[in-house]
Amino acid sequence: PTLSKTRESLFNVLANLIDFDGSAFLDIFAG
C-alpha cells in the first residue's frame, strides 16, 4: 500500500495539474 504521505503528495501535485471535477481516474494494479 502507498503510504499516506505519498498519497497526500500525489493528490496535491495532481490538484495543481488537473481539475478533478468531472474527471475520470483509473487505478491499474489497484491492490
PDB file of all heavy atoms in Angstrom:
ATOM      1  N   PRO A   1       0.819  -1.209   0.000  1.00  0.00           N
ATOM      2  CA  PRO A   1       0.000   0.000   0.000  1.00  0.00           C
ATOM      3  C   PRO A   1       0.857   1.265   0.000  1.00  0.00           C
ATOM      4  O   PRO A   1       1.872   1.343   0.684  1.00  0.00           O
ATOM      5  CB  PRO A   1      -0.800  -0.098   1.297  1.00  0.00           C
ATOM      6  CG  PRO A   1      -0.752  -1.540   1.681  1.00  0.00           C
ATOM      7  CD  PRO A   1       0.557  -2.048   1.161  1.00  0.00           C
ATOM      8  N   THR A   2       0.451   2.234  -0.812  1.00  0.00           N
ATOM      9  CA  THR A   2       1.155   3.509  -0.882  1.00  0.00           C
ATOM     10  C   THR A   2       0.937   4.260   0.428  1.00  0.00           C
ATOM     11  O   THR A   2      -0.195   4.399   0.890  1.00  0.00           O
ATOM     12  CB  THR A   2       0.635   4.331  -2.080  1.00  0.00           C
ATOM     13  OG1 THR A   2       0.821   3.553  -3.266  1.00  0.00           O
ATOM     14  CG2 THR A   2       1.380   5.636  -2.209  1.00  0.00           C
ATOM     15  N   LEU A   3       2.014   4.735   1.017  1.00  0.00           N
ATOM     16  CA  LEU A   3       1.948   5.408   2.312  1.00  0.00           C
ATOM     17  C   LEU A   3       1.142   6.698   2.243  1.00  0.00           C
ATOM     18  O   LEU A   3       1.076   7.350   1.195  1.00  0.00           O
ATOM     19  CB  LEU A   3       3.359   5.688   2.822  1.00  0.00           C
ATOM     20  CG  LEU A   3       4.245   4.463   3.039  1.00  0.00           C
ATOM     21  CD1 LEU A   3       5.652   4.896   3.452  1.00  0.00           C
ATOM     22  CD2 LEU A   3       3.639   3.537   4.077  1.00  0.00           C
ATOM     23  N   SER A   4       0.556   7.087   3.369  1.00  0.00           N
ATOM     24  CA  SER A   4      -0.314   8.262   3.404  1.00  0.00           C
ATOM     25  C   SER A   4       0.418   9.536   2.973  1.00  0.00           C
ATOM     26  O   SER A   4      -0.154  10.355   2.252  1.00  0.00           O
ATOM     27  CB  SER A   4      -0.926   8.440   4.789  1.00  0.00           C
ATOM     28  OG  SER A   4       0.067   8.602   5.761  1.00  0.00           O
ATOM     29  N   LYS A   5       1.651   9.710   3.362  1.00  0.00           N
ATOM     30  CA  LYS A   5       2.411  10.906   2.970  1.00  0.00           C
ATOM     31  C   LYS A   5       2.565  10.966   1.449  1.00  0.00           C
ATOM     32  O   LYS A   5       2.430  12.024   0.841  1.00  0.00           O
ATOM     33  CB  LYS A   5       3.783  10.903   3.644  1.00  0.00           C
ATOM     34  CG  LYS A   5       4.630  12.090   3.302  1.00  0.00           C
ATOM     35  CD  LYS A   5       5.978  12.031   4.003  1.00  0.00           C
ATOM     36  CE  LYS A   5       6.820  13.219   3.584  1.00  0.00           C
ATOM     37  NZ  LYS A   5       8.132  13.219   4.199  1.00  0.00           N
ATOM     38  N   THR A   6       2.839   9.830   0.846  1.00  0.00           N
ATOM     39  CA  THR A   6       2.988   9.761  -0.605  1.00  0.00           C
ATOM     40  C   THR A   6       1.651  10.033  -1.294  1.00  0.00           C
ATOM     41  O   THR A   6       1.587  10.765  -2.289  1.00  0.00           O
ATOM     42  CB  THR A   6       3.536   8.387  -1.033  1.00  0.00           C
ATOM     43  OG1 THR A   6       4.741   8.123  -0.307  1.00  0.00           O
ATOM     44  CG2 THR A   6       3.826   8.344  -2.519  1.00  0.00           C
ATOM     45  N   ARG A   7       0.563   9.489  -0.762  1.00  0.00           N
ATOM     46  CA  ARG A   7      -0.770   9.723  -1.337  1.00  0.00           C
ATOM     47  C   ARG A   7      -1.144  11.198  -1.270  1.00  0.00           C
ATOM     48  O   ARG A   7      -1.655  11.759  -2.243  1.00  0.00           O
ATOM     49  CB  ARG A   7      -1.829   8.884  -0.614  1.00  0.00           C
ATOM     50  CG  ARG A   7      -1.698   7.406  -0.874  1.00  0.00           C
ATOM     51  CD  ARG A   7      -2.916   6.615  -0.418  1.00  0.00           C
ATOM     52  NE  ARG A   7      -3.463   6.947   0.869  1.00  0.00           N
ATOM     53  CZ  ARG A   7      -3.127   6.377   2.014  1.00  0.00           C
ATOM     54  NH1 ARG A   7      -2.207   5.428   2.041  1.00  0.00           N
ATOM     55  NH2 ARG A   7      -3.702   6.714   3.137  1.00  0.00           N
ATOM     56  N   GLU A   8      -0.889  11.816  -0.132  1.00  0.00           N
ATOM     57  CA  GLU A   8      -1.199  13.246   0.005  1.00  0.00           C
ATOM     58  C   GLU A   8      -0.423  14.066  -1.015  1.00  0.00           C
ATOM     59  O   GLU A   8      -0.973  14.953  -1.666  1.00  0.00           O
ATOM     60  CB  GLU A   8      -0.888  13.724   1.420  1.00  0.00           C
ATOM     61  CG  GLU A   8      -1.896  13.244   2.450  1.00  0.00           C
ATOM     62  CD  GLU A   8      -1.612  13.804   3.824  1.00  0.00           C
ATOM     63  OE1 GLU A   8      -1.685  15.033   3.974  1.00  0.00           O
ATOM     64  OE2 GLU A   8      -1.316  13.012   4.737  1.00  0.00           O
ATOM     65  N   SER A   9       0.852  13.762  -1.168  1.00  0.00           N
ATOM     66  CA  SER A   9       1.682  14.478  -2.131  1.00  0.00           C
ATOM     67  C   SER A   9       1.190  14.233  -3.556  1.00  0.00           C
ATOM     68  O   SER A   9       1.110  15.166  -4.360  1.00  0.00           O
ATOM     69  CB  SER A   9       3.139  14.035  -1.990  1.00  0.00           C
ATOM     70  OG  SER A   9       3.937  14.704  -2.929  1.00  0.00           O
ATOM     71  N   LEU A  10       0.857  12.998  -3.872  1.00  0.00           N
ATOM     72  CA  LEU A  10       0.339  12.659  -5.194  1.00  0.00           C
ATOM     73  C   LEU A  10      -0.851  13.536  -5.546  1.00  0.00           C
ATOM     74  O   LEU A  10      -0.900  14.163  -6.618  1.00  0.00           O
ATOM     75  CB  LEU A  10      -0.079  11.180  -5.222  1.00  0.00           C
ATOM     76  CG  LEU A  10      -0.988  10.738  -6.363  1.00  0.00           C
ATOM     77  CD1 LEU A  10      -0.265  10.763  -7.698  1.00  0.00           C
ATOM     78  CD2 LEU A  10      -1.561   9.361  -6.083  1.00  0.00           C
ATOM     79  N   PHE A  11      -1.824  13.619  -4.657  1.00  0.00           N
ATOM     80  CA  PHE A  11      -3.038  14.371  -4.960  1.00  0.00           C
ATOM     81  C   PHE A  11      -2.822  15.880  -4.889  1.00  0.00           C
ATOM     82  O   PHE A  11      -3.517  16.630  -5.579  1.00  0.00           O
ATOM     83  CB  PHE A  11      -4.209  13.885  -4.098  1.00  0.00           C
ATOM     84  CG  PHE A  11      -4.729  12.574  -4.597  1.00  0.00           C
ATOM     85  CD1 PHE A  11      -4.335  11.383  -4.009  1.00  0.00           C
ATOM     86  CD2 PHE A  11      -5.570  12.517  -5.698  1.00  0.00           C
ATOM     87  CE1 PHE A  11      -4.784  10.164  -4.493  1.00  0.00           C
ATOM     88  CE2 PHE A  11      -6.029  11.305  -6.200  1.00  0.00           C
ATOM     89  CZ  PHE A  11      -5.627  10.129  -5.595  1.00  0.00           C
ATOM     90  N   ASN A  12      -1.851  16.341  -4.113  1.00  0.00           N
ATOM     91  CA  ASN A  12      -1.502  17.769  -4.136  1.00  0.00           C
ATOM     92  C   ASN A  12      -0.918  18.150  -5.493  1.00  0.00           C
ATOM     93  O   ASN A  12      -1.263  19.196  -6.054  1.00  0.00           O
ATOM     94  CB  ASN A  12      -0.511  18.107  -3.017  1.00  0.00           C
ATOM     95  CG  ASN A  12      -1.166  18.125  -1.656  1.00  0.00           C
ATOM     96  OD1 ASN A  12      -2.386  18.248  -1.534  1.00  0.00           O
ATOM     97  ND2 ASN A  12      -0.363  17.973  -0.615  1.00  0.00           N
ATOM     98  N   VAL A  13      -0.029  17.313  -6.023  1.00  0.00           N
ATOM     99  CA  VAL A  13       0.546  17.577  -7.345  1.00  0.00           C
ATOM    100  C   VAL A  13      -0.556  17.530  -8.400  1.00  0.00           C
ATOM    101  O   VAL A  13      -0.664  18.424  -9.248  1.00  0.00           O
ATOM    102  CB  VAL A  13       1.682  16.576  -7.683  1.00  0.00           C
ATOM    103  CG1 VAL A  13       2.107  16.712  -9.146  1.00  0.00           C
ATOM    104  CG2 VAL A  13       2.877  16.780  -6.761  1.00  0.00           C
ATOM    105  N   LEU A  14      -1.388  16.486  -8.364  1.00  0.00           N
ATOM    106  CA  LEU A  14      -2.472  16.368  -9.348  1.00  0.00           C
ATOM    107  C   LEU A  14      -3.418  17.566  -9.300  1.00  0.00           C
ATOM    108  O   LEU A  14      -3.880  18.032 -10.344  1.00  0.00           O
ATOM    109  CB  LEU A  14      -3.251  15.068  -9.136  1.00  0.00           C
ATOM    110  CG  LEU A  14      -2.561  13.782  -9.574  1.00  0.00           C
ATOM    111  CD1 LEU A  14      -3.397  12.566  -9.176  1.00  0.00           C
ATOM    112  CD2 LEU A  14      -2.286  13.788 -11.069  1.00  0.00           C
ATOM    113  N   ALA A  15      -3.710  18.057  -8.099  1.00  0.00           N
ATOM    114  CA  ALA A  15      -4.632  19.197  -7.956  1.00  0.00           C
ATOM    115  C   ALA A  15      -4.092  20.438  -8.662  1.00  0.00           C
ATOM    116  O   ALA A  15      -4.873  21.292  -9.107  1.00  0.00           O
ATOM    117  CB  ALA A  15      -4.889  19.496  -6.484  1.00  0.00           C
ATOM    118  N   ASN A  16      -2.767  20.545  -8.774  1.00  0.00           N
ATOM    119  CA  ASN A  16      -2.161  21.671  -9.473  1.00  0.00           C
ATOM    120  C   ASN A  16      -2.100  21.456 -10.984  1.00  0.00           C
ATOM    121  O   ASN A  16      -1.791  22.385 -11.727  1.00  0.00           O
ATOM    122  CB  ASN A  16      -0.758  21.939  -8.938  1.00  0.00           C
ATOM    123  CG  ASN A  16      -0.795  22.538  -7.549  1.00  0.00           C
ATOM    124  OD1 ASN A  16      -1.578  23.432  -7.270  1.00  0.00           O
ATOM    125  ND2 ASN A  16       0.039  22.027  -6.671  1.00  0.00           N
ATOM    126  N   LEU A  17      -2.376  20.242 -11.434  1.00  0.00           N
ATOM    127  CA  LEU A  17      -2.261  19.920 -12.858  1.00  0.00           C
ATOM    128  C   LEU A  17      -3.597  19.717 -13.559  1.00  0.00           C
ATOM    129  O   LEU A  17      -3.685  19.881 -14.772  1.00  0.00           O
ATOM    130  CB  LEU A  17      -1.421  18.643 -13.036  1.00  0.00           C
ATOM    131  CG  LEU A  17       0.023  18.694 -12.564  1.00  0.00           C
ATOM    132  CD1 LEU A  17       0.668  17.313 -12.654  1.00  0.00           C
ATOM    133  CD2 LEU A  17       0.817  19.705 -13.386  1.00  0.00           C
ATOM    134  N   ILE A  18      -4.629  19.335 -12.802  1.00  0.00           N
ATOM    135  CA  ILE A  18      -5.893  18.951 -13.426  1.00  0.00           C
ATOM    136  C   ILE A  18      -7.060  19.247 -12.482  1.00  0.00           C
ATOM    137  O   ILE A  18      -6.914  19.177 -11.269  1.00  0.00           O
ATOM    138  CB  ILE A  18      -5.853  17.438 -13.807  1.00  0.00           C
ATOM    139  CG1 ILE A  18      -6.993  17.075 -14.728  1.00  0.00           C
ATOM    140  CG2 ILE A  18      -5.794  16.551 -12.590  1.00  0.00           C
ATOM    141  CD1 ILE A  18      -6.826  15.709 -15.377  1.00  0.00           C
ATOM    142  N   ASP A  19      -8.211  19.553 -13.064  1.00  0.00           N
ATOM    143  CA  ASP A  19      -9.433  19.758 -12.286  1.00  0.00           C
ATOM    144  C   ASP A  19     -10.076  18.390 -12.067  1.00  0.00           C
ATOM    145  O   ASP A  19     -10.413  17.698 -13.024  1.00  0.00           O
ATOM    146  CB  ASP A  19     -10.373  20.684 -13.052  1.00  0.00           C
ATOM    147  CG  ASP A  19     -11.658  20.984 -12.302  1.00  0.00           C
ATOM    148  OD1 ASP A  19     -11.758  20.639 -11.097  1.00  0.00           O
ATOM    149  OD2 ASP A  19     -12.562  21.573 -12.914  1.00  0.00           O
ATOM    150  N   PHE A  20     -10.231  17.987 -10.817  1.00  0.00           N
ATOM    151  CA  PHE A  20     -10.784  16.666 -10.508  1.00  0.00           C
ATOM    152  C   PHE A  20     -12.260  16.561 -10.886  1.00  0.00           C
ATOM    153  O   PHE A  20     -12.738  15.501 -11.259  1.00  0.00           O
ATOM    154  CB  PHE A  20     -10.639  16.338  -9.024  1.00  0.00           C
ATOM    155  CG  PHE A  20      -9.222  16.250  -8.521  1.00  0.00           C
ATOM    156  CD1 PHE A  20      -8.984  16.124  -7.171  1.00  0.00           C
ATOM    157  CD2 PHE A  20      -8.120  16.288  -9.364  1.00  0.00           C
ATOM    158  CE1 PHE A  20      -7.694  16.030  -6.666  1.00  0.00           C
ATOM    159  CE2 PHE A  20      -6.821  16.196  -8.888  1.00  0.00           C
ATOM    160  CZ  PHE A  20      -6.610  16.064  -7.528  1.00  0.00           C
ATOM    161  N   ASP A  21     -12.990  17.661 -10.770  1.00  0.00           N
ATOM    162  CA  ASP A  21     -14.426  17.669 -11.029  1.00  0.00           C
ATOM    163  C   ASP A  21     -14.704  17.255 -12.471  1.00  0.00           C
ATOM    164  O   ASP A  21     -14.203  17.866 -13.406  1.00  0.00           O
ATOM    165  CB  ASP A  21     -14.994  19.059 -10.750  1.00  0.00           C
ATOM    166  CG  ASP A  21     -16.500  19.102 -10.835  1.00  0.00           C
ATOM    167  OD1 ASP A  21     -17.154  18.150 -10.379  1.00  0.00           O
ATOM    168  OD2 ASP A  21     -17.031  20.093 -11.376  1.00  0.00           O
ATOM    169  N   GLY A  22     -15.472  16.217 -12.638  1.00  0.00           N
ATOM    170  CA  GLY A  22     -15.817  15.733 -13.966  1.00  0.00           C
ATOM    171  C   GLY A  22     -14.766  14.836 -14.598  1.00  0.00           C
ATOM    172  O   GLY A  22     -14.928  14.373 -15.718  1.00  0.00           O
ATOM    173  N   SER A  23     -13.667  14.580 -13.895  1.00  0.00           N
ATOM    174  CA  SER A  23     -12.567  13.800 -14.444  1.00  0.00           C
ATOM    175  C   SER A  23     -12.693  12.315 -14.111  1.00  0.00           C
ATOM    176  O   SER A  23     -13.285  11.933 -13.115  1.00  0.00           O
ATOM    177  CB  SER A  23     -11.228  14.318 -13.908  1.00  0.00           C
ATOM    178  OG  SER A  23     -10.979  15.622 -14.389  1.00  0.00           O
ATOM    179  N   ALA A  24     -12.078  11.491 -14.965  1.00  0.00           N
ATOM    180  CA  ALA A  24     -12.092  10.036 -14.802  1.00  0.00           C
ATOM    181  C   ALA A  24     -10.702   9.559 -14.379  1.00  0.00           C
ATOM    182  O   ALA A  24      -9.689  10.000 -14.920  1.00  0.00           O
ATOM    183  CB  ALA A  24     -12.505   9.371 -16.107  1.00  0.00           C
ATOM    184  N   PHE A  25     -10.662   8.627 -13.412  1.00  0.00           N
ATOM    185  CA  PHE A  25      -9.425   8.123 -12.815  1.00  0.00           C
ATOM    186  C   PHE A  25      -9.381   6.607 -12.964  1.00  0.00           C
ATOM    187  O   PHE A  25     -10.369   5.924 -12.698  1.00  0.00           O
ATOM    188  CB  PHE A  25      -9.408   8.504 -11.326  1.00  0.00           C
ATOM    189  CG  PHE A  25      -8.114   8.249 -10.611  1.00  0.00           C
ATOM    190  CD1 PHE A  25      -7.210   9.278 -10.412  1.00  0.00           C
ATOM    191  CD2 PHE A  25      -7.803   6.987 -10.125  1.00  0.00           C
ATOM    192  CE1 PHE A  25      -6.016   9.055  -9.735  1.00  0.00           C
ATOM    193  CE2 PHE A  25      -6.618   6.753  -9.460  1.00  0.00           C
ATOM    194  CZ  PHE A  25      -5.714   7.788  -9.260  1.00  0.00           C
ATOM    195  N   LEU A  26      -8.231   6.084 -13.374  1.00  0.00           N
ATOM    196  CA  LEU A  26      -8.032   4.642 -13.479  1.00  0.00           C
ATOM    197  C   LEU A  26      -6.872   4.233 -12.589  1.00  0.00           C
ATOM    198  O   LEU A  26      -5.766   4.758 -12.717  1.00  0.00           O
ATOM    199  CB  LEU A  26      -7.733   4.234 -14.929  1.00  0.00           C
ATOM    200  CG  LEU A  26      -7.404   2.760 -15.174  1.00  0.00           C
ATOM    201  CD1 LEU A  26      -8.567   1.856 -14.771  1.00  0.00           C
ATOM    202  CD2 LEU A  26      -7.027   2.539 -16.641  1.00  0.00           C
ATOM    203  N   ASP A  27      -7.122   3.279 -11.702  1.00  0.00           N
ATOM    204  CA  ASP A  27      -6.120   2.727 -10.788  1.00  0.00           C
ATOM    205  C   ASP A  27      -5.780   1.322 -11.286  1.00  0.00           C
ATOM    206  O   ASP A  27      -6.553   0.385 -11.098  1.00  0.00           O
ATOM    207  CB  ASP A  27      -6.693   2.689  -9.369  1.00  0.00           C
ATOM    208  CG  ASP A  27      -5.697   2.262  -8.307  1.00  0.00           C
ATOM    209  OD1 ASP A  27      -4.552   1.906  -8.643  1.00  0.00           O
ATOM    210  OD2 ASP A  27      -6.077   2.277  -7.119  1.00  0.00           O
ATOM    211  N   ILE A  28      -4.623   1.207 -11.975  1.00  0.00           N
ATOM    212  CA  ILE A  28      -4.190  -0.082 -12.512  1.00  0.00           C
ATOM    213  C   ILE A  28      -3.354  -0.787 -11.446  1.00  0.00           C
ATOM    214  O   ILE A  28      -2.562  -0.152 -10.773  1.00  0.00           O
ATOM    215  CB  ILE A  28      -3.359   0.110 -13.796  1.00  0.00           C
ATOM    216  CG1 ILE A  28      -4.140   0.924 -14.822  1.00  0.00           C
ATOM    217  CG2 ILE A  28      -2.942  -1.234 -14.389  1.00  0.00           C
ATOM    218  CD1 ILE A  28      -3.353   1.258 -16.074  1.00  0.00           C
ATOM    219  N   PHE A  29      -3.492  -2.093 -11.321  1.00  0.00           N
ATOM    220  CA  PHE A  29      -2.835  -2.870 -10.261  1.00  0.00           C
ATOM    221  C   PHE A  29      -3.296  -2.304  -8.921  1.00  0.00           C
ATOM    222  O   PHE A  29      -2.494  -1.938  -8.064  1.00  0.00           O
ATOM    223  CB  PHE A  29      -1.303  -2.816 -10.378  1.00  0.00           C
ATOM    224  CG  PHE A  29      -0.782  -3.181 -11.737  1.00  0.00           C
ATOM    225  CD1 PHE A  29      -0.415  -2.204 -12.646  1.00  0.00           C
ATOM    226  CD2 PHE A  29      -0.662  -4.508 -12.103  1.00  0.00           C
ATOM    227  CE1 PHE A  29       0.062  -2.545 -13.899  1.00  0.00           C
ATOM    228  CE2 PHE A  29      -0.184  -4.864 -13.364  1.00  0.00           C
ATOM    229  CZ  PHE A  29       0.182  -3.867 -14.257  1.00  0.00           C
ATOM    230  N   ALA A  30      -4.592  -2.237  -8.737  1.00  0.00           N
ATOM    231  CA  ALA A  30      -5.209  -1.480  -7.654  1.00  0.00           C
ATOM    232  C   ALA A  30      -4.850  -1.947  -6.249  1.00  0.00           C
ATOM    233  O   ALA A  30      -4.836  -1.147  -5.324  1.00  0.00           O
ATOM    234  CB  ALA A  30      -6.729  -1.481  -7.816  1.00  0.00           C
ATOM    235  N   GLY A  31      -4.594  -3.223  -6.056  1.00  0.00           N
ATOM    236  CA  GLY A  31      -4.269  -3.700  -4.710  1.00  0.00           C
ATOM    237  C   GLY A  31      -5.381  -3.357  -3.738  1.00  0.00           C
ATOM    238  O   GLY A  31      -6.545  -3.660  -3.972  1.00  0.00           O
TER     239      GLY A  31
END
